N, C-alpha and C. Protein backbone atom coordinates (compact mmCIF):
# COMPACT_ATOMS: atom_id res chain seq x y z
N MET A 1 0.84 -1.18 0.00
CA MET A 1 0.00 0.00 0.00
C MET A 1 0.88 1.25 0.00
N SER A 2 0.53 2.21 -0.82
CA SER A 2 1.30 3.43 -0.96
C SER A 2 1.19 4.30 0.30
N ARG A 3 2.32 4.92 0.65
CA ARG A 3 2.32 5.81 1.81
C ARG A 3 1.91 7.22 1.40
N ARG A 4 1.82 7.49 0.11
CA ARG A 4 1.44 8.82 -0.37
C ARG A 4 -0.02 9.08 -0.09
N PHE A 5 -0.30 10.24 0.44
CA PHE A 5 -1.68 10.60 0.74
C PHE A 5 -2.39 11.06 -0.52
N PHE A 6 -1.77 12.01 -1.23
CA PHE A 6 -2.37 12.52 -2.45
C PHE A 6 -1.90 11.70 -3.63
N ARG A 7 -2.81 11.44 -4.53
CA ARG A 7 -2.48 10.75 -5.78
C ARG A 7 -1.96 11.78 -6.79
N HIS A 8 -1.50 11.27 -7.92
CA HIS A 8 -0.93 12.13 -8.95
C HIS A 8 -1.90 13.26 -9.32
N GLY A 9 -1.42 14.49 -9.23
CA GLY A 9 -2.19 15.66 -9.63
C GLY A 9 -3.16 16.20 -8.59
N GLU A 10 -3.30 15.50 -7.47
CA GLU A 10 -4.29 15.94 -6.47
C GLU A 10 -3.83 17.12 -5.63
N LEU A 11 -2.55 17.16 -5.24
CA LEU A 11 -2.09 18.27 -4.39
C LEU A 11 -2.25 19.61 -5.10
N PRO A 12 -1.81 19.75 -6.36
CA PRO A 12 -2.05 21.04 -7.03
C PRO A 12 -3.54 21.38 -7.14
N LEU A 13 -4.36 20.38 -7.34
CA LEU A 13 -5.80 20.61 -7.41
C LEU A 13 -6.34 21.12 -6.08
N VAL A 14 -5.89 20.54 -4.99
CA VAL A 14 -6.30 20.99 -3.66
C VAL A 14 -5.82 22.42 -3.42
N LEU A 15 -4.60 22.71 -3.80
CA LEU A 15 -4.07 24.07 -3.63
C LEU A 15 -4.90 25.07 -4.43
N LEU A 16 -5.27 24.68 -5.63
CA LEU A 16 -6.11 25.54 -6.47
C LEU A 16 -7.46 25.80 -5.79
N ALA A 17 -8.04 24.75 -5.23
CA ALA A 17 -9.32 24.89 -4.54
C ALA A 17 -9.18 25.79 -3.31
N LEU A 18 -8.08 25.67 -2.60
CA LEU A 18 -7.88 26.48 -1.39
C LEU A 18 -7.73 27.96 -1.72
N VAL A 19 -6.95 28.28 -2.76
CA VAL A 19 -6.80 29.71 -3.08
C VAL A 19 -8.02 30.24 -3.81
N ALA A 20 -8.86 29.35 -4.35
CA ALA A 20 -10.13 29.80 -4.92
C ALA A 20 -11.08 30.25 -3.81
N GLU A 21 -11.00 29.60 -2.65
CA GLU A 21 -11.83 29.99 -1.50
C GLU A 21 -11.47 31.39 -1.03
N SER A 22 -10.15 31.62 -0.89
CA SER A 22 -9.66 32.93 -0.48
C SER A 22 -8.16 32.99 -0.72
N PRO A 23 -7.65 34.17 -1.07
CA PRO A 23 -6.21 34.31 -1.25
C PRO A 23 -5.48 33.95 0.05
N ARG A 24 -4.34 33.30 -0.09
CA ARG A 24 -3.58 32.84 1.09
C ARG A 24 -2.09 32.91 0.80
N HIS A 25 -1.31 33.08 1.86
CA HIS A 25 0.14 32.96 1.69
C HIS A 25 0.54 31.52 2.00
N GLY A 26 1.77 31.19 1.70
CA GLY A 26 2.23 29.81 1.79
C GLY A 26 2.01 29.16 3.14
N TYR A 27 2.33 29.88 4.21
CA TYR A 27 2.14 29.31 5.55
C TYR A 27 0.66 29.02 5.81
N GLU A 28 -0.22 29.92 5.38
CA GLU A 28 -1.67 29.69 5.56
C GLU A 28 -2.12 28.46 4.77
N ILE A 29 -1.59 28.29 3.58
CA ILE A 29 -1.94 27.12 2.77
C ILE A 29 -1.50 25.85 3.49
N MET A 30 -0.27 25.83 3.98
CA MET A 30 0.22 24.64 4.69
C MET A 30 -0.59 24.37 5.95
N HIS A 31 -0.92 25.42 6.68
CA HIS A 31 -1.73 25.25 7.89
C HIS A 31 -3.11 24.67 7.54
N GLU A 32 -3.72 25.17 6.47
CA GLU A 32 -5.04 24.70 6.07
C GLU A 32 -4.98 23.24 5.60
N LEU A 33 -3.93 22.87 4.89
CA LEU A 33 -3.76 21.48 4.47
C LEU A 33 -3.68 20.56 5.68
N THR A 34 -2.89 20.96 6.67
CA THR A 34 -2.74 20.15 7.88
C THR A 34 -4.06 20.10 8.65
N ARG A 35 -4.76 21.23 8.71
CA ARG A 35 -6.05 21.25 9.42
C ARG A 35 -7.06 20.32 8.74
N LEU A 36 -7.12 20.37 7.42
CA LEU A 36 -8.10 19.58 6.68
C LEU A 36 -7.77 18.09 6.66
N PHE A 37 -6.49 17.77 6.46
CA PHE A 37 -6.13 16.39 6.18
C PHE A 37 -5.32 15.71 7.28
N GLY A 38 -4.94 16.46 8.32
CA GLY A 38 -4.16 15.88 9.40
C GLY A 38 -5.03 14.97 10.26
N PRO A 39 -4.48 14.03 10.93
CA PRO A 39 -3.05 13.71 10.99
C PRO A 39 -2.58 12.79 9.84
N ARG A 40 -3.48 12.44 8.95
CA ARG A 40 -3.10 11.54 7.85
C ARG A 40 -2.11 12.18 6.90
N TYR A 41 -2.19 13.49 6.77
CA TYR A 41 -1.29 14.21 5.88
C TYR A 41 -0.73 15.40 6.61
N ARG A 42 0.56 15.59 6.49
CA ARG A 42 1.22 16.74 7.10
C ARG A 42 1.92 17.51 6.00
N ALA A 43 1.49 18.72 5.78
CA ALA A 43 2.05 19.55 4.71
C ALA A 43 3.51 19.89 5.00
N SER A 44 4.31 19.88 3.94
CA SER A 44 5.72 20.27 4.07
C SER A 44 6.06 21.26 2.98
N PRO A 45 6.98 22.18 3.27
CA PRO A 45 7.40 23.14 2.25
C PRO A 45 7.96 22.45 1.01
N GLY A 46 8.58 21.29 1.19
CA GLY A 46 9.18 20.57 0.08
C GLY A 46 8.18 20.01 -0.92
N SER A 47 6.93 19.88 -0.52
CA SER A 47 5.91 19.43 -1.48
C SER A 47 4.97 20.57 -1.87
N VAL A 48 4.67 21.45 -0.95
CA VAL A 48 3.70 22.52 -1.21
C VAL A 48 4.27 23.60 -2.13
N TYR A 49 5.47 24.10 -1.82
CA TYR A 49 5.99 25.22 -2.62
C TYR A 49 6.30 24.83 -4.07
N PRO A 50 6.83 23.65 -4.36
CA PRO A 50 6.97 23.28 -5.78
C PRO A 50 5.63 23.20 -6.51
N ALA A 51 4.59 22.74 -5.81
CA ALA A 51 3.25 22.69 -6.42
C ALA A 51 2.72 24.10 -6.67
N ILE A 52 2.97 25.01 -5.74
CA ILE A 52 2.57 26.40 -5.92
C ILE A 52 3.31 27.00 -7.12
N GLU A 53 4.61 26.75 -7.21
CA GLU A 53 5.39 27.26 -8.34
C GLU A 53 4.89 26.71 -9.67
N ALA A 54 4.51 25.44 -9.68
CA ALA A 54 3.97 24.85 -10.92
C ALA A 54 2.65 25.51 -11.31
N LEU A 55 1.79 25.76 -10.33
CA LEU A 55 0.52 26.44 -10.62
C LEU A 55 0.76 27.86 -11.13
N GLN A 56 1.76 28.52 -10.57
CA GLN A 56 2.11 29.86 -11.05
C GLN A 56 2.64 29.82 -12.47
N SER A 57 3.49 28.85 -12.76
CA SER A 57 4.07 28.77 -14.10
C SER A 57 3.02 28.48 -15.16
N GLU A 58 1.93 27.83 -14.75
CA GLU A 58 0.81 27.57 -15.66
C GLU A 58 -0.20 28.72 -15.67
N ALA A 59 0.08 29.77 -14.90
CA ALA A 59 -0.79 30.95 -14.78
C ALA A 59 -2.16 30.60 -14.20
N LEU A 60 -2.22 29.55 -13.37
CA LEU A 60 -3.48 29.17 -12.72
C LEU A 60 -3.67 29.92 -11.41
N ILE A 61 -2.56 30.34 -10.81
CA ILE A 61 -2.60 31.21 -9.64
C ILE A 61 -1.57 32.31 -9.87
N GLU A 62 -1.72 33.39 -9.10
CA GLU A 62 -0.73 34.46 -9.15
C GLU A 62 -0.36 34.84 -7.74
N GLY A 63 0.88 35.25 -7.57
CA GLY A 63 1.37 35.67 -6.27
C GLY A 63 1.61 37.16 -6.25
N ARG A 64 1.16 37.78 -5.19
CA ARG A 64 1.40 39.22 -4.99
C ARG A 64 2.09 39.40 -3.65
N VAL A 65 3.17 40.15 -3.68
CA VAL A 65 3.92 40.40 -2.46
C VAL A 65 3.15 41.40 -1.61
N GLN A 66 2.90 41.00 -0.36
CA GLN A 66 2.25 41.87 0.62
C GLN A 66 3.12 41.84 1.88
N GLY A 67 3.83 42.92 2.10
CA GLY A 67 4.76 42.94 3.22
C GLY A 67 5.91 41.99 2.93
N ASP A 68 6.13 41.06 3.85
CA ASP A 68 7.21 40.09 3.65
C ASP A 68 6.69 38.73 3.18
N LYS A 69 5.42 38.67 2.77
CA LYS A 69 4.81 37.41 2.33
C LYS A 69 4.27 37.55 0.91
N THR A 70 4.19 36.42 0.24
CA THR A 70 3.54 36.38 -1.06
C THR A 70 2.17 35.74 -0.88
N VAL A 71 1.13 36.46 -1.29
CA VAL A 71 -0.24 35.96 -1.18
C VAL A 71 -0.67 35.46 -2.55
N TYR A 72 -1.16 34.23 -2.58
CA TYR A 72 -1.55 33.59 -3.83
C TYR A 72 -3.06 33.64 -4.00
N SER A 73 -3.47 33.93 -5.23
CA SER A 73 -4.90 33.94 -5.55
C SER A 73 -5.10 33.26 -6.90
N ILE A 74 -6.30 32.82 -7.12
CA ILE A 74 -6.62 32.09 -8.35
C ILE A 74 -6.82 33.09 -9.50
N THR A 75 -6.49 32.67 -10.70
CA THR A 75 -6.71 33.47 -11.90
C THR A 75 -7.93 32.93 -12.64
N GLU A 76 -8.36 33.63 -13.65
CA GLU A 76 -9.49 33.12 -14.46
C GLU A 76 -9.16 31.77 -15.10
N PRO A 77 -7.96 31.61 -15.68
CA PRO A 77 -7.62 30.27 -16.19
C PRO A 77 -7.61 29.22 -15.07
N GLY A 78 -7.25 29.64 -13.86
CA GLY A 78 -7.28 28.73 -12.71
C GLY A 78 -8.70 28.30 -12.37
N ARG A 79 -9.62 29.26 -12.42
CA ARG A 79 -11.04 28.93 -12.16
C ARG A 79 -11.56 27.93 -13.20
N LYS A 80 -11.17 28.16 -14.44
CA LYS A 80 -11.58 27.26 -15.52
C LYS A 80 -10.99 25.87 -15.31
N ALA A 81 -9.71 25.81 -14.94
CA ALA A 81 -9.05 24.53 -14.69
C ALA A 81 -9.71 23.80 -13.53
N LEU A 82 -10.07 24.55 -12.49
CA LEU A 82 -10.75 23.95 -11.33
C LEU A 82 -12.11 23.40 -11.75
N GLU A 83 -12.83 24.15 -12.56
CA GLU A 83 -14.12 23.70 -13.07
C GLU A 83 -13.96 22.44 -13.94
N ASP A 84 -12.93 22.45 -14.79
CA ASP A 84 -12.68 21.31 -15.67
C ASP A 84 -12.31 20.05 -14.90
N ARG A 85 -11.75 20.23 -13.71
CA ARG A 85 -11.31 19.09 -12.89
C ARG A 85 -12.27 18.81 -11.73
N SER A 86 -13.49 19.28 -11.86
CA SER A 86 -14.45 19.13 -10.76
C SER A 86 -14.72 17.67 -10.42
N GLU A 87 -14.73 16.80 -11.41
CA GLU A 87 -14.97 15.38 -11.12
C GLU A 87 -13.80 14.77 -10.34
N MET A 88 -12.59 15.15 -10.69
CA MET A 88 -11.41 14.68 -9.96
C MET A 88 -11.44 15.18 -8.52
N LEU A 89 -11.83 16.45 -8.35
CA LEU A 89 -11.92 17.02 -7.01
C LEU A 89 -13.00 16.32 -6.20
N ALA A 90 -14.14 16.04 -6.82
CA ALA A 90 -15.23 15.34 -6.12
C ALA A 90 -14.79 13.94 -5.69
N ALA A 91 -14.07 13.24 -6.56
CA ALA A 91 -13.58 11.90 -6.21
C ALA A 91 -12.59 11.97 -5.05
N LEU A 92 -11.73 12.98 -5.05
CA LEU A 92 -10.79 13.17 -3.95
C LEU A 92 -11.53 13.44 -2.65
N GLU A 93 -12.51 14.35 -2.70
CA GLU A 93 -13.30 14.68 -1.51
C GLU A 93 -13.96 13.43 -0.94
N LEU A 94 -14.49 12.62 -1.80
CA LEU A 94 -15.16 11.39 -1.37
C LEU A 94 -14.15 10.42 -0.75
N ARG A 95 -12.99 10.29 -1.38
CA ARG A 95 -11.97 9.35 -0.90
C ARG A 95 -11.44 9.74 0.47
N VAL A 96 -11.22 11.05 0.69
CA VAL A 96 -10.59 11.48 1.95
C VAL A 96 -11.59 12.01 2.97
N GLY A 97 -12.84 12.21 2.57
CA GLY A 97 -13.86 12.66 3.51
C GLY A 97 -13.75 14.13 3.88
N VAL A 98 -13.24 14.95 2.97
CA VAL A 98 -13.09 16.38 3.21
C VAL A 98 -13.73 17.13 2.05
N ARG A 99 -14.49 18.16 2.36
CA ARG A 99 -15.08 19.01 1.32
C ARG A 99 -14.20 20.21 1.10
N LEU A 100 -13.96 20.50 -0.16
CA LEU A 100 -13.15 21.65 -0.56
C LEU A 100 -13.96 22.57 -1.43
N GLY A 101 -13.66 23.83 -1.39
CA GLY A 101 -14.27 24.76 -2.33
C GLY A 101 -15.68 25.16 -1.98
N GLN A 102 -16.20 25.95 -2.89
CA GLN A 102 -17.54 26.50 -2.75
C GLN A 102 -18.54 25.53 -3.37
N GLY A 103 -18.98 24.56 -2.64
CA GLY A 103 -19.86 23.54 -3.18
C GLY A 103 -21.33 23.85 -3.05
N ASP A 104 -21.71 25.11 -3.25
CA ASP A 104 -23.09 25.48 -3.04
C ASP A 104 -23.97 25.36 -4.28
N SER A 105 -23.36 25.16 -5.44
CA SER A 105 -24.17 25.10 -6.65
C SER A 105 -24.74 23.70 -6.85
N LEU A 106 -25.83 23.62 -7.57
CA LEU A 106 -26.41 22.32 -7.89
C LEU A 106 -25.44 21.50 -8.72
N GLU A 107 -24.70 22.16 -9.61
CA GLU A 107 -23.73 21.45 -10.45
C GLU A 107 -22.67 20.76 -9.60
N SER A 108 -22.15 21.46 -8.59
CA SER A 108 -21.12 20.84 -7.75
C SER A 108 -21.70 19.69 -6.93
N GLN A 109 -22.94 19.83 -6.49
CA GLN A 109 -23.58 18.73 -5.76
C GLN A 109 -23.78 17.52 -6.66
N LEU A 110 -24.17 17.76 -7.92
CA LEU A 110 -24.35 16.67 -8.87
C LEU A 110 -23.02 15.99 -9.19
N THR A 111 -21.96 16.77 -9.27
CA THR A 111 -20.64 16.19 -9.52
C THR A 111 -20.23 15.28 -8.37
N ARG A 112 -20.46 15.73 -7.13
CA ARG A 112 -20.15 14.88 -5.97
C ARG A 112 -21.02 13.62 -5.97
N PHE A 113 -22.29 13.78 -6.33
CA PHE A 113 -23.22 12.66 -6.39
C PHE A 113 -22.73 11.63 -7.41
N LYS A 114 -22.32 12.11 -8.57
CA LYS A 114 -21.83 11.21 -9.62
C LYS A 114 -20.57 10.48 -9.16
N ALA A 115 -19.66 11.20 -8.50
CA ALA A 115 -18.43 10.57 -7.99
C ALA A 115 -18.75 9.50 -6.96
N ARG A 116 -19.78 9.73 -6.18
CA ARG A 116 -20.15 8.76 -5.15
C ARG A 116 -20.75 7.50 -5.76
N LEU A 117 -21.52 7.65 -6.83
CA LEU A 117 -22.19 6.50 -7.42
C LEU A 117 -21.38 5.78 -8.49
N ALA A 118 -20.40 6.45 -9.08
CA ALA A 118 -19.62 5.86 -10.17
C ALA A 118 -19.03 4.48 -9.81
N PRO A 119 -18.52 4.28 -8.61
CA PRO A 119 -17.96 2.96 -8.29
C PRO A 119 -19.01 1.83 -8.27
N LEU A 120 -20.28 2.19 -8.24
CA LEU A 120 -21.34 1.18 -8.20
C LEU A 120 -21.70 0.65 -9.59
N SER A 121 -21.22 1.33 -10.62
CA SER A 121 -21.55 0.94 -11.99
C SER A 121 -21.16 -0.52 -12.22
N GLY A 122 -22.11 -1.28 -12.74
CA GLY A 122 -21.87 -2.70 -12.98
C GLY A 122 -22.15 -3.59 -11.79
N HIS A 123 -22.47 -2.99 -10.65
CA HIS A 123 -22.71 -3.76 -9.42
C HIS A 123 -24.15 -3.65 -8.92
N ILE A 124 -24.95 -2.83 -9.58
CA ILE A 124 -26.35 -2.68 -9.18
C ILE A 124 -27.24 -2.78 -10.41
N ASP A 125 -28.50 -3.03 -10.17
CA ASP A 125 -29.48 -3.15 -11.25
C ASP A 125 -29.79 -1.76 -11.80
N PRO A 126 -29.44 -1.49 -13.08
CA PRO A 126 -29.68 -0.17 -13.65
C PRO A 126 -31.15 0.25 -13.64
N ALA A 127 -32.05 -0.70 -13.83
CA ALA A 127 -33.47 -0.36 -13.83
C ALA A 127 -33.93 0.09 -12.44
N ALA A 128 -33.46 -0.58 -11.41
CA ALA A 128 -33.80 -0.19 -10.05
C ALA A 128 -33.20 1.17 -9.72
N ALA A 129 -31.96 1.40 -10.17
CA ALA A 129 -31.32 2.69 -9.94
C ALA A 129 -32.08 3.80 -10.67
N ALA A 130 -32.56 3.52 -11.88
CA ALA A 130 -33.30 4.53 -12.65
C ALA A 130 -34.57 4.96 -11.91
N ILE A 131 -35.24 4.02 -11.27
CA ILE A 131 -36.45 4.36 -10.51
C ILE A 131 -36.11 5.28 -9.35
N VAL A 132 -35.04 4.95 -8.62
CA VAL A 132 -34.62 5.78 -7.49
C VAL A 132 -34.20 7.17 -7.97
N LEU A 133 -33.46 7.23 -9.08
CA LEU A 133 -33.00 8.52 -9.60
C LEU A 133 -34.17 9.37 -10.09
N GLU A 134 -35.15 8.74 -10.72
CA GLU A 134 -36.35 9.48 -11.17
C GLU A 134 -37.07 10.08 -9.97
N GLN A 135 -37.21 9.31 -8.91
CA GLN A 135 -37.87 9.81 -7.71
C GLN A 135 -37.07 10.95 -7.09
N ALA A 136 -35.74 10.79 -7.07
CA ALA A 136 -34.88 11.85 -6.51
C ALA A 136 -35.02 13.13 -7.34
N ALA A 137 -35.04 13.00 -8.66
CA ALA A 137 -35.20 14.17 -9.52
C ALA A 137 -36.54 14.85 -9.26
N HIS A 138 -37.57 14.06 -9.12
CA HIS A 138 -38.90 14.60 -8.81
C HIS A 138 -38.87 15.35 -7.49
N ASP A 139 -38.29 14.74 -6.48
CA ASP A 139 -38.22 15.37 -5.16
C ASP A 139 -37.43 16.68 -5.20
N ILE A 140 -36.35 16.70 -5.96
CA ILE A 140 -35.54 17.91 -6.08
C ILE A 140 -36.31 19.00 -6.82
N GLU A 141 -37.05 18.61 -7.83
CA GLU A 141 -37.87 19.59 -8.55
C GLU A 141 -38.87 20.26 -7.62
N GLN A 142 -39.34 19.53 -6.64
CA GLN A 142 -40.31 20.08 -5.69
C GLN A 142 -39.70 21.12 -4.76
N LEU A 143 -38.38 21.20 -4.72
CA LEU A 143 -37.71 22.19 -3.88
C LEU A 143 -37.80 23.60 -4.45
N LYS A 144 -38.05 23.68 -5.75
CA LYS A 144 -38.08 24.98 -6.41
C LYS A 144 -39.46 25.62 -6.26
N PRO A 145 -39.52 26.78 -5.61
CA PRO A 145 -40.79 27.49 -5.56
C PRO A 145 -41.06 28.09 -6.94
N SER A 146 -42.22 27.82 -7.47
CA SER A 146 -42.54 28.38 -8.78
C SER A 146 -44.00 28.77 -8.84
N ARG A 147 -44.28 29.75 -9.67
CA ARG A 147 -45.67 30.19 -9.85
C ARG A 147 -46.49 29.08 -10.47
N THR A 148 -45.88 28.35 -11.41
CA THR A 148 -46.60 27.29 -12.09
C THR A 148 -47.07 26.24 -11.09
N ARG A 149 -46.17 25.83 -10.18
CA ARG A 149 -46.54 24.82 -9.21
C ARG A 149 -47.60 25.36 -8.25
N LYS A 150 -47.47 26.64 -7.87
CA LYS A 150 -48.46 27.25 -6.99
C LYS A 150 -49.83 27.29 -7.66
N LYS A 151 -49.82 27.65 -8.97
CA LYS A 151 -51.08 27.71 -9.70
C LYS A 151 -51.70 26.33 -9.81
N ARG A 152 -50.85 25.31 -10.08
CA ARG A 152 -51.37 23.94 -10.17
C ARG A 152 -52.00 23.50 -8.86
N SER A 153 -51.35 23.84 -7.73
CA SER A 153 -51.90 23.41 -6.44
C SER A 153 -53.18 24.18 -6.12
N GLN A 154 -53.31 25.44 -6.61
CA GLN A 154 -54.54 26.20 -6.38
C GLN A 154 -55.67 25.62 -7.21
N HIS A 155 -55.37 25.19 -8.46
CA HIS A 155 -56.40 24.61 -9.32
C HIS A 155 -56.82 23.24 -8.80
N ALA A 156 -55.97 22.55 -8.10
CA ALA A 156 -56.30 21.22 -7.60
C ALA A 156 -57.28 21.29 -6.44
N ARG A 157 -57.40 22.45 -5.85
CA ARG A 157 -58.30 22.59 -4.67
C ARG A 157 -59.71 22.60 -5.08
């Protein structure tokens, strides 16, 4: 069994998600990594700073000197890269049990849902799953307040 906590490409993705939440300097990033993933993972300058430099060289984050620290923030290409890797991020979150980023959109919830169910493919009855998913979609549709639904319920009276 591998002793590595993060799989290939995951640490830069996590760093991207962290600076997307809010700009941070290197020490804050390392502290947040340890807070989120410790004690299973302990951030070190030898792994974090090279990943930060790689993200900078790809123009996914930018560093601005503030006092004696460099504060890193996400760029527009970084936001796009984070969006493009949302399935990888969701799979990581599921594997390690930690939520990263601004997961308030329906799209991000659906991505996490898909990551959670993907390992079940081929192990469950697709027809039975379709029934459950149809019911879930119906239930979610009921969460939306709409004039149409209000009018329908008034006409049903």
